[in-house]
N, C-alpha and C. Protein backbone atom coordinates (compact mmCIF):
# COMPACT_ATOMS: atom_id res chain seq x y z
N MET A 1 -21.00 1.97 -18.74
CA MET A 1 -20.01 1.92 -17.67
C MET A 1 -19.75 0.46 -17.28
N ARG A 2 -20.85 -0.25 -17.06
CA ARG A 2 -20.74 -1.66 -16.66
C ARG A 2 -20.00 -2.45 -17.74
N ASN A 3 -20.36 -2.21 -19.00
CA ASN A 3 -19.72 -2.91 -20.11
C ASN A 3 -18.24 -2.56 -20.21
N GLN A 4 -17.90 -1.30 -19.93
CA GLN A 4 -16.50 -0.86 -19.96
C GLN A 4 -15.69 -1.64 -18.92
N ILE A 5 -16.25 -1.82 -17.76
CA ILE A 5 -15.56 -2.56 -16.69
C ILE A 5 -15.34 -4.02 -17.12
N LEU A 6 -16.36 -4.61 -17.72
CA LEU A 6 -16.23 -6.00 -18.17
C LEU A 6 -15.21 -6.13 -19.30
N GLU A 7 -15.17 -5.14 -20.19
CA GLU A 7 -14.16 -5.15 -21.28
C GLU A 7 -12.75 -5.01 -20.69
N ASP A 8 -12.61 -4.11 -19.70
CA ASP A 8 -11.30 -3.92 -19.07
C ASP A 8 -10.86 -5.18 -18.33
N LEU A 9 -11.84 -5.92 -17.80
CA LEU A 9 -11.53 -7.19 -17.13
C LEU A 9 -10.91 -8.16 -18.14
N LYS A 10 -11.52 -8.26 -19.31
CA LYS A 10 -10.99 -9.14 -20.35
C LYS A 10 -9.60 -8.70 -20.79
N THR A 11 -9.42 -7.40 -20.98
CA THR A 11 -8.12 -6.86 -21.39
C THR A 11 -7.05 -7.16 -20.35
N ALA A 12 -7.39 -6.98 -19.07
CA ALA A 12 -6.43 -7.25 -17.99
C ALA A 12 -6.06 -8.73 -17.98
N MET A 13 -7.03 -9.60 -18.28
CA MET A 13 -6.74 -11.05 -18.34
C MET A 13 -5.77 -11.34 -19.49
N LYS A 14 -6.05 -10.77 -20.65
CA LYS A 14 -5.20 -11.00 -21.83
C LYS A 14 -3.78 -10.49 -21.60
N ASN A 15 -3.67 -9.32 -20.96
CA ASN A 15 -2.36 -8.70 -20.72
C ASN A 15 -1.67 -9.25 -19.47
N GLN A 16 -2.35 -10.13 -18.77
CA GLN A 16 -1.85 -10.70 -17.51
C GLN A 16 -1.44 -9.61 -16.51
N ASP A 17 -2.27 -8.56 -16.45
CA ASP A 17 -2.07 -7.47 -15.52
C ASP A 17 -2.78 -7.84 -14.22
N LYS A 18 -2.04 -8.51 -13.33
CA LYS A 18 -2.63 -9.10 -12.13
C LYS A 18 -3.27 -8.06 -11.20
N GLU A 19 -2.60 -6.92 -11.04
CA GLU A 19 -3.12 -5.91 -10.11
C GLU A 19 -4.44 -5.33 -10.61
N THR A 20 -4.47 -4.92 -11.88
CA THR A 20 -5.70 -4.38 -12.45
C THR A 20 -6.80 -5.43 -12.43
N LEU A 21 -6.44 -6.64 -12.77
CA LEU A 21 -7.40 -7.74 -12.79
C LEU A 21 -8.03 -7.94 -11.41
N ALA A 22 -7.21 -7.93 -10.37
CA ALA A 22 -7.72 -8.12 -9.01
C ALA A 22 -8.68 -7.01 -8.62
N VAL A 23 -8.32 -5.76 -8.95
CA VAL A 23 -9.17 -4.62 -8.59
C VAL A 23 -10.50 -4.69 -9.34
N ILE A 24 -10.43 -4.97 -10.63
CA ILE A 24 -11.66 -5.02 -11.43
C ILE A 24 -12.55 -6.18 -10.97
N ARG A 25 -11.94 -7.28 -10.60
CA ARG A 25 -12.74 -8.40 -10.08
C ARG A 25 -13.47 -8.02 -8.80
N MET A 26 -12.78 -7.27 -7.93
CA MET A 26 -13.42 -6.82 -6.69
C MET A 26 -14.61 -5.90 -7.00
N VAL A 27 -14.41 -5.00 -7.96
CA VAL A 27 -15.50 -4.09 -8.34
C VAL A 27 -16.65 -4.88 -8.94
N LYS A 28 -16.32 -5.83 -9.80
CA LYS A 28 -17.35 -6.66 -10.43
C LYS A 28 -18.15 -7.41 -9.36
N GLY A 29 -17.45 -7.95 -8.37
CA GLY A 29 -18.12 -8.64 -7.28
C GLY A 29 -19.04 -7.72 -6.49
N ALA A 30 -18.56 -6.52 -6.22
CA ALA A 30 -19.38 -5.54 -5.48
C ALA A 30 -20.61 -5.15 -6.31
N MET A 31 -20.42 -5.02 -7.63
CA MET A 31 -21.54 -4.69 -8.51
C MET A 31 -22.56 -5.82 -8.51
N GLN A 32 -22.08 -7.06 -8.56
CA GLN A 32 -22.99 -8.20 -8.57
C GLN A 32 -23.77 -8.30 -7.27
N MET A 33 -23.11 -8.01 -6.15
CA MET A 33 -23.81 -8.03 -4.86
C MET A 33 -24.93 -6.99 -4.85
N GLU A 34 -24.61 -5.81 -5.34
CA GLU A 34 -25.61 -4.73 -5.39
C GLU A 34 -26.76 -5.11 -6.32
N GLU A 35 -26.44 -5.74 -7.44
CA GLU A 35 -27.48 -6.18 -8.37
C GLU A 35 -28.37 -7.25 -7.74
N LEU A 36 -27.78 -8.14 -6.96
CA LEU A 36 -28.58 -9.15 -6.25
C LEU A 36 -29.53 -8.48 -5.25
N ASN A 37 -29.01 -7.48 -4.55
CA ASN A 37 -29.83 -6.77 -3.57
C ASN A 37 -30.99 -6.04 -4.24
N LEU A 38 -30.71 -5.43 -5.41
CA LEU A 38 -31.73 -4.65 -6.10
C LEU A 38 -32.59 -5.50 -7.04
N LYS A 39 -32.12 -6.72 -7.33
CA LYS A 39 -32.80 -7.64 -8.25
C LYS A 39 -32.95 -7.06 -9.66
N ARG A 40 -31.91 -6.30 -10.08
CA ARG A 40 -31.87 -5.75 -11.43
C ARG A 40 -30.44 -5.31 -11.75
N GLU A 41 -30.19 -5.02 -13.03
CA GLU A 41 -28.87 -4.56 -13.44
C GLU A 41 -28.69 -3.09 -13.01
N LEU A 42 -27.48 -2.75 -12.61
CA LEU A 42 -27.19 -1.38 -12.17
C LEU A 42 -27.12 -0.43 -13.35
N ASN A 43 -27.56 0.81 -13.12
CA ASN A 43 -27.34 1.85 -14.13
C ASN A 43 -25.99 2.51 -13.86
N ASP A 44 -25.57 3.42 -14.73
CA ASP A 44 -24.24 4.03 -14.60
C ASP A 44 -24.04 4.76 -13.27
N ASP A 45 -25.06 5.48 -12.81
CA ASP A 45 -24.93 6.20 -11.54
C ASP A 45 -24.71 5.23 -10.38
N GLU A 46 -25.39 4.11 -10.42
CA GLU A 46 -25.25 3.11 -9.35
C GLU A 46 -23.87 2.45 -9.42
N VAL A 47 -23.37 2.23 -10.63
CA VAL A 47 -22.02 1.67 -10.78
C VAL A 47 -20.99 2.65 -10.21
N ILE A 48 -21.18 3.93 -10.50
CA ILE A 48 -20.28 4.97 -9.97
C ILE A 48 -20.33 4.96 -8.45
N SER A 49 -21.51 4.79 -7.87
CA SER A 49 -21.63 4.73 -6.41
C SER A 49 -20.87 3.55 -5.84
N VAL A 50 -20.96 2.40 -6.51
CA VAL A 50 -20.24 1.21 -6.06
C VAL A 50 -18.73 1.47 -6.09
N ILE A 51 -18.26 2.08 -7.17
CA ILE A 51 -16.83 2.38 -7.30
C ILE A 51 -16.40 3.40 -6.25
N ALA A 52 -17.23 4.41 -6.01
CA ALA A 52 -16.91 5.42 -5.00
C ALA A 52 -16.80 4.78 -3.62
N LYS A 53 -17.68 3.80 -3.32
CA LYS A 53 -17.60 3.08 -2.04
C LYS A 53 -16.30 2.30 -1.93
N GLN A 54 -15.90 1.68 -3.05
CA GLN A 54 -14.65 0.93 -3.06
C GLN A 54 -13.46 1.86 -2.77
N ILE A 55 -13.48 3.03 -3.37
CA ILE A 55 -12.40 4.01 -3.15
C ILE A 55 -12.40 4.47 -1.70
N LYS A 56 -13.59 4.77 -1.18
CA LYS A 56 -13.70 5.22 0.21
C LYS A 56 -13.13 4.18 1.17
N THR A 57 -13.47 2.92 0.94
CA THR A 57 -12.97 1.83 1.78
C THR A 57 -11.44 1.79 1.74
N ARG A 58 -10.89 1.94 0.56
CA ARG A 58 -9.43 1.89 0.42
C ARG A 58 -8.77 3.09 1.09
N LYS A 59 -9.39 4.26 1.01
CA LYS A 59 -8.83 5.43 1.69
C LYS A 59 -8.82 5.24 3.20
N GLU A 60 -9.89 4.62 3.71
CA GLU A 60 -9.94 4.32 5.15
C GLU A 60 -8.85 3.32 5.51
N SER A 61 -8.61 2.35 4.62
CA SER A 61 -7.55 1.36 4.86
C SER A 61 -6.19 2.03 4.91
N ILE A 62 -5.96 2.99 4.02
CA ILE A 62 -4.67 3.70 4.01
C ILE A 62 -4.43 4.37 5.35
N THR A 63 -5.48 4.98 5.92
CA THR A 63 -5.35 5.63 7.23
C THR A 63 -4.90 4.62 8.28
N GLU A 64 -5.49 3.44 8.25
CA GLU A 64 -5.12 2.39 9.20
C GLU A 64 -3.69 1.89 8.95
N PHE A 65 -3.33 1.75 7.67
CA PHE A 65 -1.99 1.29 7.34
C PHE A 65 -0.94 2.29 7.80
N GLU A 66 -1.27 3.59 7.70
CA GLU A 66 -0.33 4.62 8.17
C GLU A 66 -0.09 4.50 9.66
N LYS A 67 -1.17 4.21 10.40
CA LYS A 67 -1.04 4.03 11.86
C LYS A 67 -0.13 2.85 12.18
N GLY A 68 -0.22 1.81 11.35
CA GLY A 68 0.57 0.60 11.57
C GLY A 68 1.93 0.63 10.90
N GLY A 69 2.24 1.71 10.17
CA GLY A 69 3.53 1.82 9.50
C GLY A 69 3.71 0.83 8.36
N ARG A 70 2.63 0.45 7.70
CA ARG A 70 2.69 -0.53 6.60
C ARG A 70 2.78 0.18 5.25
N ASN A 71 3.96 0.71 4.95
CA ASN A 71 4.15 1.47 3.71
C ASN A 71 3.94 0.61 2.46
N ASP A 72 4.25 -0.68 2.55
CA ASP A 72 4.04 -1.57 1.41
C ASP A 72 2.56 -1.66 1.05
N LEU A 73 1.71 -1.75 2.06
CA LEU A 73 0.27 -1.82 1.82
C LEU A 73 -0.30 -0.47 1.38
N ILE A 74 0.28 0.60 1.88
CA ILE A 74 -0.17 1.95 1.48
C ILE A 74 0.02 2.12 -0.03
N ALA A 75 1.20 1.78 -0.53
CA ALA A 75 1.50 1.93 -1.96
C ALA A 75 0.56 1.07 -2.80
N LYS A 76 0.36 -0.17 -2.38
CA LYS A 76 -0.52 -1.09 -3.12
C LYS A 76 -1.95 -0.54 -3.16
N THR A 77 -2.42 -0.04 -2.04
CA THR A 77 -3.78 0.48 -1.96
C THR A 77 -3.94 1.75 -2.78
N GLN A 78 -2.91 2.59 -2.79
CA GLN A 78 -2.96 3.81 -3.61
C GLN A 78 -3.03 3.46 -5.10
N ASN A 79 -2.33 2.41 -5.51
CA ASN A 79 -2.41 1.96 -6.90
C ASN A 79 -3.82 1.47 -7.22
N GLU A 80 -4.44 0.77 -6.28
CA GLU A 80 -5.81 0.30 -6.49
C GLU A 80 -6.76 1.48 -6.65
N ILE A 81 -6.57 2.51 -5.83
CA ILE A 81 -7.41 3.72 -5.93
C ILE A 81 -7.24 4.36 -7.30
N ALA A 82 -6.00 4.43 -7.78
CA ALA A 82 -5.73 5.02 -9.10
C ALA A 82 -6.46 4.24 -10.21
N ILE A 83 -6.48 2.93 -10.10
CA ILE A 83 -7.18 2.10 -11.09
C ILE A 83 -8.68 2.39 -11.03
N LEU A 84 -9.23 2.47 -9.84
CA LEU A 84 -10.66 2.70 -9.68
C LEU A 84 -11.08 4.10 -10.15
N GLU A 85 -10.24 5.09 -9.91
CA GLU A 85 -10.58 6.47 -10.26
C GLU A 85 -10.75 6.67 -11.76
N LYS A 86 -10.19 5.77 -12.57
CA LYS A 86 -10.36 5.86 -14.02
C LYS A 86 -11.83 5.73 -14.42
N TYR A 87 -12.62 5.07 -13.58
CA TYR A 87 -14.03 4.82 -13.90
C TYR A 87 -14.96 5.92 -13.39
N LEU A 88 -14.44 6.83 -12.60
CA LEU A 88 -15.28 7.91 -12.08
C LEU A 88 -15.34 9.05 -13.09
N PRO A 89 -16.43 9.83 -13.04
CA PRO A 89 -16.47 11.01 -13.91
C PRO A 89 -15.37 11.98 -13.50
N GLU A 90 -15.10 12.94 -14.35
CA GLU A 90 -14.05 13.92 -14.04
C GLU A 90 -14.34 14.56 -12.68
N GLN A 91 -13.32 14.58 -11.84
CA GLN A 91 -13.48 15.09 -10.48
C GLN A 91 -13.55 16.62 -10.48
N LEU A 92 -14.32 17.15 -9.53
CA LEU A 92 -14.44 18.59 -9.38
C LEU A 92 -13.29 19.12 -8.55
N SER A 93 -12.91 20.35 -8.81
CA SER A 93 -11.88 20.99 -7.98
C SER A 93 -12.56 21.51 -6.71
N LYS A 94 -11.75 21.79 -5.71
CA LYS A 94 -12.30 22.31 -4.45
C LYS A 94 -13.03 23.62 -4.70
N GLU A 95 -12.49 24.46 -5.60
CA GLU A 95 -13.11 25.75 -5.90
C GLU A 95 -14.50 25.55 -6.51
N GLU A 96 -14.63 24.55 -7.40
CA GLU A 96 -15.93 24.28 -8.02
C GLU A 96 -16.94 23.81 -6.97
N VAL A 97 -16.48 23.00 -6.03
CA VAL A 97 -17.37 22.51 -4.98
C VAL A 97 -17.79 23.65 -4.06
N VAL A 98 -16.85 24.51 -3.71
CA VAL A 98 -17.17 25.66 -2.86
C VAL A 98 -18.22 26.53 -3.54
N LYS A 99 -18.09 26.71 -4.84
CA LYS A 99 -19.05 27.52 -5.61
C LYS A 99 -20.44 26.87 -5.56
N ILE A 100 -20.51 25.56 -5.74
CA ILE A 100 -21.79 24.85 -5.67
C ILE A 100 -22.41 25.01 -4.29
N ILE A 101 -21.59 24.85 -3.25
CA ILE A 101 -22.08 24.99 -1.87
C ILE A 101 -22.62 26.41 -1.65
N GLU A 102 -21.88 27.42 -2.13
CA GLU A 102 -22.31 28.81 -1.99
C GLU A 102 -23.67 29.03 -2.66
N GLU A 103 -23.83 28.49 -3.88
CA GLU A 103 -25.09 28.65 -4.61
C GLU A 103 -26.25 28.04 -3.85
N VAL A 104 -26.04 26.85 -3.29
CA VAL A 104 -27.11 26.18 -2.56
C VAL A 104 -27.41 26.94 -1.26
N PHE A 105 -26.38 27.46 -0.60
CA PHE A 105 -26.60 28.26 0.61
C PHE A 105 -27.43 29.49 0.28
N ASP A 106 -27.13 30.16 -0.84
CA ASP A 106 -27.88 31.34 -1.25
C ASP A 106 -29.34 31.00 -1.52
N GLU A 107 -29.56 29.81 -2.10
CA GLU A 107 -30.91 29.38 -2.44
C GLU A 107 -31.72 28.99 -1.20
N ILE A 108 -31.12 28.22 -0.30
CA ILE A 108 -31.84 27.69 0.87
C ILE A 108 -31.85 28.67 2.04
N LYS A 109 -30.78 29.43 2.19
CA LYS A 109 -30.59 30.33 3.32
C LYS A 109 -30.77 29.57 4.65
N PRO A 110 -29.86 28.61 4.93
CA PRO A 110 -30.00 27.77 6.12
C PRO A 110 -29.87 28.58 7.41
N GLU A 111 -30.60 28.11 8.43
CA GLU A 111 -30.59 28.80 9.72
C GLU A 111 -29.77 28.07 10.76
N GLY A 112 -29.17 26.94 10.40
CA GLY A 112 -28.36 26.20 11.35
C GLY A 112 -28.23 24.75 10.94
N MET A 113 -27.73 23.95 11.87
CA MET A 113 -27.48 22.54 11.59
C MET A 113 -28.75 21.78 11.22
N LYS A 114 -29.90 22.27 11.64
CA LYS A 114 -31.14 21.58 11.31
C LYS A 114 -31.39 21.56 9.79
N ASP A 115 -30.74 22.43 9.05
CA ASP A 115 -30.91 22.48 7.60
C ASP A 115 -29.85 21.67 6.85
N MET A 116 -29.03 20.93 7.59
CA MET A 116 -27.97 20.13 6.98
C MET A 116 -28.54 19.14 5.96
N GLY A 117 -29.63 18.49 6.28
CA GLY A 117 -30.24 17.51 5.38
C GLY A 117 -30.69 18.15 4.08
N LYS A 118 -31.31 19.34 4.18
CA LYS A 118 -31.76 20.04 2.97
C LYS A 118 -30.57 20.38 2.09
N LEU A 119 -29.51 20.88 2.72
CA LEU A 119 -28.31 21.27 1.97
C LEU A 119 -27.70 20.06 1.27
N MET A 120 -27.51 18.97 2.00
CA MET A 120 -26.92 17.76 1.42
C MET A 120 -27.81 17.21 0.31
N GLY A 121 -29.11 17.31 0.51
CA GLY A 121 -30.06 16.82 -0.48
C GLY A 121 -29.95 17.55 -1.81
N MET A 122 -29.64 18.83 -1.75
CA MET A 122 -29.51 19.60 -2.99
C MET A 122 -28.11 19.51 -3.59
N ILE A 123 -27.10 19.38 -2.74
CA ILE A 123 -25.71 19.36 -3.22
C ILE A 123 -25.34 17.99 -3.77
N THR A 124 -25.78 16.93 -3.11
CA THR A 124 -25.38 15.57 -3.49
C THR A 124 -25.57 15.25 -4.97
N PRO A 125 -26.74 15.52 -5.57
CA PRO A 125 -26.89 15.15 -6.99
C PRO A 125 -25.92 15.92 -7.91
N LYS A 126 -25.49 17.08 -7.48
CA LYS A 126 -24.59 17.89 -8.31
C LYS A 126 -23.13 17.43 -8.26
N VAL A 127 -22.78 16.72 -7.19
CA VAL A 127 -21.36 16.36 -7.00
C VAL A 127 -21.10 14.87 -6.82
N LYS A 128 -22.14 14.07 -6.73
CA LYS A 128 -21.99 12.64 -6.42
C LYS A 128 -21.03 11.97 -7.41
N GLY A 129 -20.05 11.26 -6.85
CA GLY A 129 -19.08 10.56 -7.67
C GLY A 129 -17.99 11.46 -8.23
N ARG A 130 -18.12 12.76 -7.98
CA ARG A 130 -17.16 13.69 -8.55
C ARG A 130 -16.34 14.41 -7.48
N TYR A 131 -16.68 14.13 -6.20
CA TYR A 131 -15.93 14.73 -5.09
C TYR A 131 -16.24 13.90 -3.85
N ASP A 132 -15.32 13.87 -2.90
CA ASP A 132 -15.47 13.10 -1.67
C ASP A 132 -16.60 13.70 -0.83
N MET A 133 -17.66 12.91 -0.62
CA MET A 133 -18.84 13.42 0.09
C MET A 133 -18.54 13.74 1.55
N SER A 134 -17.59 13.04 2.17
CA SER A 134 -17.27 13.35 3.56
C SER A 134 -16.62 14.74 3.65
N GLU A 135 -15.83 15.09 2.64
CA GLU A 135 -15.22 16.44 2.61
C GLU A 135 -16.30 17.50 2.43
N ILE A 136 -17.27 17.22 1.59
CA ILE A 136 -18.36 18.17 1.37
C ILE A 136 -19.13 18.37 2.66
N SER A 137 -19.40 17.28 3.37
CA SER A 137 -20.11 17.37 4.64
C SER A 137 -19.35 18.26 5.63
N LYS A 138 -18.03 18.07 5.70
CA LYS A 138 -17.20 18.90 6.59
C LYS A 138 -17.29 20.37 6.19
N MET A 139 -17.22 20.63 4.87
CA MET A 139 -17.26 22.02 4.39
C MET A 139 -18.60 22.68 4.75
N ILE A 140 -19.68 21.92 4.61
CA ILE A 140 -21.01 22.47 4.93
C ILE A 140 -21.11 22.74 6.43
N LYS A 141 -20.63 21.80 7.25
CA LYS A 141 -20.70 21.99 8.70
C LYS A 141 -19.89 23.21 9.14
N GLU A 142 -18.71 23.38 8.53
CA GLU A 142 -17.90 24.57 8.86
C GLU A 142 -18.64 25.85 8.49
N LYS A 143 -19.24 25.85 7.33
CA LYS A 143 -19.97 27.04 6.87
C LYS A 143 -21.19 27.30 7.76
N LEU A 144 -21.88 26.23 8.16
CA LEU A 144 -23.04 26.40 9.04
C LEU A 144 -22.63 26.94 10.42
N SER A 145 -21.55 26.43 10.95
CA SER A 145 -21.11 26.89 12.28
C SER A 145 -20.55 28.31 12.22
N GLY A 146 -20.10 28.72 11.04
CA GLY A 146 -19.57 30.08 10.86
C GLY A 146 -20.66 31.11 10.71
N ASN A 147 -21.90 30.66 10.38
CA ASN A 147 -23.01 31.59 10.19
C ASN A 147 -23.65 32.00 11.48
């Protein structure tokens, strides 16, 4: 994964694709910061986490841009998200996530919000990088409050 990003960086430089180049450089910088913190090279799962954080940040920015009526920045940020999403594993559909949540609920049989940590602990490895974790958290909370 890391090597793919570095290869794409070179390709973007050769093709003079400024937008892709800027996004990949930001990801590379974020990866390097994480590597400095961990004092080792990142594995693929950690690279995916870095990319997912970058996407999350951009989605939050879009929300702020919408409040400010900055449609030019919204479009630019959406393009950046599209570039980043190429590096994530295939995303799960909402139906697939609901099924995973149902299976974990059947296994744990939660008694309330106090079991939220257990649920997230079992669901996270199955969906990490493949679905928005904040959405999963909302879905679990709704299901817990409905029980």
